[in-house]
Amino acid sequence: MTAESTTHTPPATSALLTTVGNKIRTMRKEKGLTLAQLSDITGLSPAIVSQIERGLANPSFTTLAQLAHGLDIPVGRFFIGQPDTASPVVRKHERRNLVGVTKKSMGEAVYELLTPELGGGALEAQWIETPPGHDTSATPFRHSGEEFGIILAGRKDIYLDGECHSLEAGDSITFSSDIPHWYKNSYEEVCVAIWVNAPHAW
């Protein structure tokens, strides 16, 4: 996980991290979980969970997904309360970055929401760009629901319970999200994909 100190973080980012941290703490307590219990469920250390709750760490997308899975909520719920639009249209420049206001904690990977309501509706669609070397095998995903992905450019390896499926531009894949799954870009170009979760599980 990438978790950076917020000592030199811009004020807007610090405020967002504090808000997200407060929501994580509130949701954890509402579910009757201790820091140690949430740590066990997510595989994150108690110290990291504590830092995130206090707004002292900038969690990666993968880390937020682990916390969301541990709390059994969509990851978008961490960001509910930010200004929303009633329009069904999401313009390219209006896409919400699922990490917050910075992509730095994911390196060069980009995760942006294509659907207009975070945590609302039956599905969430994401625009994902992953650079060469991007690898989530250290933290496999497993949650309820179903996923659909289509590669727009580049190539990506999708692992379903250890079985590798190599996709290139134009290829798509559908699978049950309760199968342990992870992703790798083992190639020399950025992979651009659209990913849909239904019901939303982030």
C-alpha atoms as a PDB file:
ATOM      1  CA  MET A   1       0.000   0.000   0.000  1.00  0.00           C
ATOM      2  CA  THR A   2       1.070   3.560  -0.610  1.00  0.00           C
ATOM      3  CA  ALA A   3       0.260   5.782   2.328  1.00  0.00           C
ATOM      4  CA  GLU A   4       1.954   9.155   2.364  1.00  0.00           C
ATOM      5  CA  SER A   5       2.172  11.701   5.156  1.00  0.00           C
ATOM      6  CA  THR A   6      -0.095  14.684   4.641  1.00  0.00           C
ATOM      7  CA  THR A   7       2.471  17.103   6.129  1.00  0.00           C
ATOM      8  CA  HIS A   8       3.078  18.788   2.771  1.00  0.00           C
ATOM      9  CA  THR A   9      -0.309  17.985   1.236  1.00  0.00           C
ATOM     10  CA  PRO A  10      -2.326  20.856  -0.283  1.00  0.00           C
ATOM     11  CA  PRO A  11      -5.138  22.075   2.021  1.00  0.00           C
ATOM     12  CA  ALA A  12      -7.920  20.801  -0.285  1.00  0.00           C
ATOM     13  CA  THR A  13      -6.419  17.311  -0.318  1.00  0.00           C
ATOM     14  CA  SER A  14      -5.866  17.318   3.446  1.00  0.00           C
ATOM     15  CA  ALA A  15      -9.498  18.306   3.987  1.00  0.00           C
ATOM     16  CA  LEU A  16     -10.671  15.462   1.750  1.00  0.00           C
ATOM     17  CA  LEU A  17      -8.443  12.923   3.516  1.00  0.00           C
ATOM     18  CA  THR A  18      -9.772  14.087   6.880  1.00  0.00           C
ATOM     19  CA  THR A  19     -13.369  13.766   5.666  1.00  0.00           C
ATOM     20  CA  VAL A  20     -12.774  10.281   4.254  1.00  0.00           C
ATOM     21  CA  GLY A  21     -10.962   9.225   7.434  1.00  0.00           C
ATOM     22  CA  ASN A  22     -13.828  10.425   9.614  1.00  0.00           C
ATOM     23  CA  LYS A  23     -16.316   8.484   7.500  1.00  0.00           C
ATOM     24  CA  ILE A  24     -14.239   5.304   7.757  1.00  0.00           C
ATOM     25  CA  ARG A  25     -14.049   5.654  11.547  1.00  0.00           C
ATOM     26  CA  THR A  26     -17.796   6.321  11.811  1.00  0.00           C
ATOM     27  CA  MET A  27     -18.711   3.369   9.596  1.00  0.00           C
ATOM     28  CA  ARG A  28     -16.342   1.071  11.489  1.00  0.00           C
ATOM     29  CA  LYS A  29     -17.898   2.026  14.810  1.00  0.00           C
ATOM     30  CA  GLU A  30     -21.420   1.683  13.403  1.00  0.00           C
ATOM     31  CA  LYS A  31     -20.575  -1.907  12.503  1.00  0.00           C
ATOM     32  CA  GLY A  32     -19.158  -2.519  15.972  1.00  0.00           C
ATOM     33  CA  LEU A  33     -15.638  -3.183  14.703  1.00  0.00           C
ATOM     34  CA  THR A  34     -12.426  -2.335  16.530  1.00  0.00           C
ATOM     35  CA  LEU A  35      -9.337  -1.129  14.692  1.00  0.00           C
ATOM     36  CA  ALA A  36      -7.814  -4.580  15.204  1.00  0.00           C
ATOM     37  CA  GLN A  37     -10.873  -6.330  13.785  1.00  0.00           C
ATOM     38  CA  LEU A  38     -10.999  -4.124  10.683  1.00  0.00           C
ATOM     39  CA  SER A  39      -7.273  -4.693  10.287  1.00  0.00           C
ATOM     40  CA  ASP A  40      -7.779  -8.469  10.353  1.00  0.00           C
ATOM     41  CA  ILE A  41     -10.595  -8.304   7.810  1.00  0.00           C
ATOM     42  CA  THR A  42      -8.740  -6.058   5.369  1.00  0.00           C
ATOM     43  CA  GLY A  43      -5.187  -7.309   5.830  1.00  0.00           C
ATOM     44  CA  LEU A  44      -4.042  -3.757   6.596  1.00  0.00           C
ATOM     45  CA  SER A  45      -2.033  -2.993   9.709  1.00  0.00           C
ATOM     46  CA  PRO A  46      -3.839  -1.326  12.645  1.00  0.00           C
ATOM     47  CA  ALA A  47      -1.349   1.550  12.432  1.00  0.00           C
ATOM     48  CA  ILE A  48      -2.212   2.239   8.768  1.00  0.00           C
ATOM     49  CA  VAL A  49      -5.962   2.046   9.435  1.00  0.00           C
ATOM     50  CA  SER A  50      -5.527   4.459  12.349  1.00  0.00           C
ATOM     51  CA  GLN A  51      -3.502   6.903  10.228  1.00  0.00           C
ATOM     52  CA  ILE A  52      -6.135   6.835   7.478  1.00  0.00           C
ATOM     53  CA  GLU A  53      -8.958   7.405   9.966  1.00  0.00           C
ATOM     54  CA  ARG A  54      -7.105  10.431  11.352  1.00  0.00           C
ATOM     55  CA  GLY A  55      -6.442  11.845   7.878  1.00  0.00           C
ATOM     56  CA  LEU A  56      -2.691  11.373   8.281  1.00  0.00           C
ATOM     57  CA  ALA A  57      -2.185   9.042   5.307  1.00  0.00           C
ATOM     58  CA  ASN A  58      -3.027   9.262   1.613  1.00  0.00           C
ATOM     59  CA  PRO A  59      -4.390   5.754   0.843  1.00  0.00           C
ATOM     60  CA  SER A  60      -4.109   4.143  -2.572  1.00  0.00           C
ATOM     61  CA  PHE A  61      -7.180   3.059  -4.520  1.00  0.00           C
ATOM     62  CA  THR A  62      -6.424  -0.566  -3.620  1.00  0.00           C
ATOM     63  CA  THR A  63      -6.299   0.312   0.076  1.00  0.00           C
ATOM     64  CA  LEU A  64      -9.620   2.164  -0.120  1.00  0.00           C
ATOM     65  CA  ALA A  65     -11.105  -0.860  -1.898  1.00  0.00           C
ATOM     66  CA  GLN A  66      -9.839  -3.141   0.883  1.00  0.00           C
ATOM     67  CA  LEU A  67     -11.420  -0.894   3.511  1.00  0.00           C
ATOM     68  CA  ALA A  68     -14.678  -0.714   1.565  1.00  0.00           C
ATOM     69  CA  HIS A  69     -14.776  -4.496   1.256  1.00  0.00           C
ATOM     70  CA  GLY A  70     -14.031  -4.847   4.955  1.00  0.00           C
ATOM     71  CA  LEU A  71     -16.915  -2.512   5.789  1.00  0.00           C
ATOM     72  CA  ASP A  72     -19.152  -4.141   3.155  1.00  0.00           C
ATOM     73  CA  ILE A  73     -19.867  -0.863   1.354  1.00  0.00           C
ATOM     74  CA  PRO A  74     -19.104   0.626  -2.082  1.00  0.00           C
ATOM     75  CA  VAL A  75     -15.905   2.662  -2.046  1.00  0.00           C
ATOM     76  CA  GLY A  76     -17.847   5.590  -3.452  1.00  0.00           C
ATOM     77  CA  ARG A  77     -19.608   5.991  -0.107  1.00  0.00           C
ATOM     78  CA  PHE A  78     -16.393   7.390   1.334  1.00  0.00           C
ATOM     79  CA  PHE A  79     -16.851  10.389  -0.964  1.00  0.00           C
ATOM     80  CA  ILE A  80     -20.605  10.968  -0.625  1.00  0.00           C
ATOM     81  CA  GLY A  81     -21.185  14.518   0.522  1.00  0.00           C
ATOM     82  CA  GLN A  82     -19.065  16.078  -2.184  1.00  0.00           C
ATOM     83  CA  PRO A  83     -21.048  18.261  -4.607  1.00  0.00           C
ATOM     84  CA  ASP A  84     -23.168  16.104  -6.911  1.00  0.00           C
ATOM     85  CA  THR A  85     -24.837  16.875 -10.208  1.00  0.00           C
ATOM     86  CA  ALA A  86     -28.393  15.916 -11.108  1.00  0.00           C
ATOM     87  CA  SER A  87     -27.391  15.458 -14.742  1.00  0.00           C
ATOM     88  CA  PRO A  88     -27.185  11.907 -16.108  1.00  0.00           C
ATOM     89  CA  VAL A  89     -24.203  13.036 -18.203  1.00  0.00           C
ATOM     90  CA  VAL A  90     -20.626  12.887 -16.945  1.00  0.00           C
ATOM     91  CA  ARG A  91     -18.300  15.061 -19.021  1.00  0.00           C
ATOM     92  CA  LYS A  92     -14.697  13.946 -19.443  1.00  0.00           C
ATOM     93  CA  HIS A  93     -13.386  16.846 -17.367  1.00  0.00           C
ATOM     94  CA  GLU A  94     -15.970  16.147 -14.642  1.00  0.00           C
ATOM     95  CA  ARG A  95     -15.060  12.522 -13.951  1.00  0.00           C
ATOM     96  CA  ARG A  96     -14.474  11.868 -10.258  1.00  0.00           C
ATOM     97  CA  ASN A  97     -11.078  10.474  -9.355  1.00  0.00           C
ATOM     98  CA  LEU A  98     -11.789   7.541  -7.030  1.00  0.00           C
ATOM     99  CA  VAL A  99      -8.647   8.222  -5.004  1.00  0.00           C
ATOM    100  CA  GLY A 100      -9.710  11.784  -4.271  1.00  0.00           C
ATOM    101  CA  VAL A 101      -8.041  14.839  -5.711  1.00  0.00           C
ATOM    102  CA  THR A 102      -4.681  13.264  -6.519  1.00  0.00           C
ATOM    103  CA  LYS A 103      -3.557  10.254  -8.531  1.00  0.00           C
ATOM    104  CA  LYS A 104      -0.103  10.290  -6.946  1.00  0.00           C
ATOM    105  CA  SER A 105      -0.843   7.505  -4.476  1.00  0.00           C
ATOM    106  CA  MET A 106      -1.555   5.126  -7.381  1.00  0.00           C
ATOM    107  CA  GLY A 107       1.579   6.051  -9.285  1.00  0.00           C
ATOM    108  CA  GLU A 108       0.531   6.602 -12.891  1.00  0.00           C
ATOM    109  CA  ALA A 109      -2.648   4.497 -12.676  1.00  0.00           C
ATOM    110  CA  VAL A 110      -5.924   6.368 -13.186  1.00  0.00           C
ATOM    111  CA  TYR A 111      -9.309   5.283 -11.786  1.00  0.00           C
ATOM    112  CA  GLU A 112     -12.175   7.628 -12.685  1.00  0.00           C
ATOM    113  CA  LEU A 113     -15.905   7.213 -12.226  1.00  0.00           C
ATOM    114  CA  LEU A 114     -18.003   7.248 -15.421  1.00  0.00           C
ATOM    115  CA  THR A 115     -21.367   6.999 -13.686  1.00  0.00           C
ATOM    116  CA  PRO A 116     -22.807  10.196 -12.175  1.00  0.00           C
ATOM    117  CA  GLU A 117     -23.650   9.090  -8.636  1.00  0.00           C
ATOM    118  CA  LEU A 118     -20.995   7.771  -6.253  1.00  0.00           C
ATOM    119  CA  GLY A 119     -22.453   4.910  -4.236  1.00  0.00           C
ATOM    120  CA  GLY A 120     -25.830   5.187  -5.958  1.00  0.00           C
ATOM    121  CA  GLY A 121     -27.628   3.040  -8.482  1.00  0.00           C
ATOM    122  CA  ALA A 122     -27.135  -0.612  -9.278  1.00  0.00           C
ATOM    123  CA  LEU A 123     -23.783  -0.306 -11.033  1.00  0.00           C
ATOM    124  CA  GLU A 124     -20.583   1.677 -11.180  1.00  0.00           C
ATOM    125  CA  ALA A 125     -18.563   2.154 -14.344  1.00  0.00           C
ATOM    126  CA  GLN A 126     -14.917   3.205 -14.234  1.00  0.00           C
ATOM    127  CA  TRP A 127     -12.371   4.524 -16.701  1.00  0.00           C
ATOM    128  CA  ILE A 128      -9.051   2.834 -15.855  1.00  0.00           C
ATOM    129  CA  GLU A 129      -5.574   3.571 -17.212  1.00  0.00           C
ATOM    130  CA  THR A 130      -2.766   1.337 -15.982  1.00  0.00           C
ATOM    131  CA  PRO A 131       0.894   1.853 -16.906  1.00  0.00           C
ATOM    132  CA  PRO A 132       3.407  -0.880 -17.741  1.00  0.00           C
ATOM    133  CA  GLY A 133       4.264  -2.820 -14.593  1.00  0.00           C
ATOM    134  CA  HIS A 134       0.992  -2.088 -12.785  1.00  0.00           C
ATOM    135  CA  ASP A 135       0.222  -5.141 -10.630  1.00  0.00           C
ATOM    136  CA  THR A 136      -2.470  -5.738  -7.973  1.00  0.00           C
ATOM    137  CA  SER A 137      -1.562  -9.387  -7.269  1.00  0.00           C
ATOM    138  CA  ALA A 138      -0.353  -8.486  -3.762  1.00  0.00           C
ATOM    139  CA  THR A 139      -3.921  -7.547  -2.786  1.00  0.00           C
ATOM    140  CA  PRO A 140      -6.392  -9.731  -4.746  1.00  0.00           C
ATOM    141  CA  PHE A 141      -9.978  -8.499  -4.860  1.00  0.00           C
ATOM    142  CA  ARG A 142     -12.945 -10.593  -3.773  1.00  0.00           C
ATOM    143  CA  HIS A 143     -16.431  -9.234  -3.163  1.00  0.00           C
ATOM    144  CA  SER A 144     -20.054  -9.727  -4.103  1.00  0.00           C
ATOM    145  CA  GLY A 145     -21.461  -8.909  -7.529  1.00  0.00           C
ATOM    146  CA  GLU A 146     -20.387  -9.279 -11.133  1.00  0.00           C
ATOM    147  CA  GLU A 147     -17.853  -7.465 -13.289  1.00  0.00           C
ATOM    148  CA  PHE A 148     -17.540  -6.611 -16.947  1.00  0.00           C
ATOM    149  CA  GLY A 149     -14.448  -5.113 -18.530  1.00  0.00           C
ATOM    150  CA  ILE A 150     -13.463  -4.121 -22.056  1.00  0.00           C
ATOM    151  CA  ILE A 151     -10.001  -3.118 -23.227  1.00  0.00           C
ATOM    152  CA  LEU A 152      -9.953   0.045 -25.341  1.00  0.00           C
ATOM    153  CA  ALA A 153      -6.192   0.281 -25.888  1.00  0.00           C
ATOM    154  CA  GLY A 154      -3.142  -1.719 -24.900  1.00  0.00           C
ATOM    155  CA  ARG A 155      -3.242  -5.106 -23.183  1.00  0.00           C
ATOM    156  CA  LYS A 156      -3.927  -6.436 -19.693  1.00  0.00           C
ATOM    157  CA  ASP A 157      -3.767  -9.779 -17.887  1.00  0.00           C
ATOM    158  CA  ILE A 158      -6.779 -10.576 -15.704  1.00  0.00           C
ATOM    159  CA  TYR A 159      -6.280 -13.366 -13.181  1.00  0.00           C
ATOM    160  CA  LEU A 160      -9.344 -15.275 -11.960  1.00  0.00           C
ATOM    161  CA  ASP A 161      -8.417 -17.549  -9.058  1.00  0.00           C
ATOM    162  CA  GLY A 162      -4.890 -17.743 -10.503  1.00  0.00           C
ATOM    163  CA  GLU A 163      -5.917 -18.441 -14.108  1.00  0.00           C
ATOM    164  CA  CYS A 164      -4.573 -15.794 -16.485  1.00  0.00           C
ATOM    165  CA  HIS A 165      -6.748 -14.285 -19.215  1.00  0.00           C
ATOM    166  CA  SER A 166      -4.788 -12.000 -21.551  1.00  0.00           C
ATOM    167  CA  LEU A 167      -6.914  -9.314 -23.189  1.00  0.00           C
ATOM    168  CA  GLU A 168      -6.059  -6.829 -25.907  1.00  0.00           C
ATOM    169  CA  ALA A 169      -7.937  -3.924 -27.481  1.00  0.00           C
ATOM    170  CA  GLY A 170     -11.504  -4.941 -28.310  1.00  0.00           C
ATOM    171  CA  ASP A 171     -11.547  -7.947 -25.967  1.00  0.00           C
ATOM    172  CA  SER A 172     -13.955  -8.069 -23.035  1.00  0.00           C
ATOM    173  CA  ILE A 173     -14.452 -10.241 -19.984  1.00  0.00           C
ATOM    174  CA  THR A 174     -17.305 -10.960 -17.559  1.00  0.00           C
ATOM    175  CA  PHE A 175     -16.921 -12.798 -14.261  1.00  0.00           C
ATOM    176  CA  SER A 176     -18.332 -13.239 -10.772  1.00  0.00           C
ATOM    177  CA  SER A 177     -16.626 -10.874  -8.336  1.00  0.00           C
ATOM    178  CA  ASP A 178     -16.562 -13.469  -5.555  1.00  0.00           C
ATOM    179  CA  ILE A 179     -13.740 -15.213  -7.451  1.00  0.00           C
ATOM    180  CA  PRO A 180     -10.362 -13.929  -6.191  1.00  0.00           C
ATOM    181  CA  HIS A 181      -9.111 -11.673  -8.985  1.00  0.00           C
ATOM    182  CA  TRP A 182      -6.254  -9.324  -9.738  1.00  0.00           C
ATOM    183  CA  TYR A 183      -4.776  -7.427 -12.642  1.00  0.00           C
ATOM    184  CA  LYS A 184      -1.384  -6.980 -14.301  1.00  0.00           C
ATOM    185  CA  ASN A 185      -0.081  -4.845 -17.129  1.00  0.00           C
ATOM    186  CA  SER A 186       2.969  -6.870 -18.130  1.00  0.00           C
ATOM    187  CA  TYR A 187       3.361  -5.028 -21.405  1.00  0.00           C
ATOM    188  CA  GLU A 188       5.143  -1.937 -22.717  1.00  0.00           C
ATOM    189  CA  GLU A 189       2.151   0.363 -23.233  1.00  0.00           C
ATOM    190  CA  VAL A 190      -0.523   1.940 -21.094  1.00  0.00           C
ATOM    191  CA  CYS A 191      -3.723  -0.085 -20.930  1.00  0.00           C
ATOM    192  CA  VAL A 192      -7.007   1.830 -21.168  1.00  0.00           C
ATOM    193  CA  ALA A 193     -10.152  -0.012 -20.117  1.00  0.00           C
ATOM    194  CA  ILE A 194     -13.732   0.495 -19.026  1.00  0.00           C
ATOM    195  CA  TRP A 195     -14.792  -1.575 -16.014  1.00  0.00           C
ATOM    196  CA  VAL A 196     -18.327  -2.090 -14.716  1.00  0.00           C
ATOM    197  CA  ASN A 197     -19.331  -3.502 -11.315  1.00  0.00           C
ATOM    198  CA  ALA A 198     -22.935  -4.587 -10.711  1.00  0.00           C
ATOM    199  CA  PRO A 199     -24.168  -4.198  -8.131  1.00  0.00           C
ATOM    200  CA  HIS A 200     -21.547  -1.604  -7.245  1.00  0.00           C
ATOM    201  CA  ALA A 201     -19.031  -3.145  -4.886  1.00  0.00           C
ATOM    202  CA  TRP A 202     -16.326  -0.505  -4.496  1.00  0.00           C
END
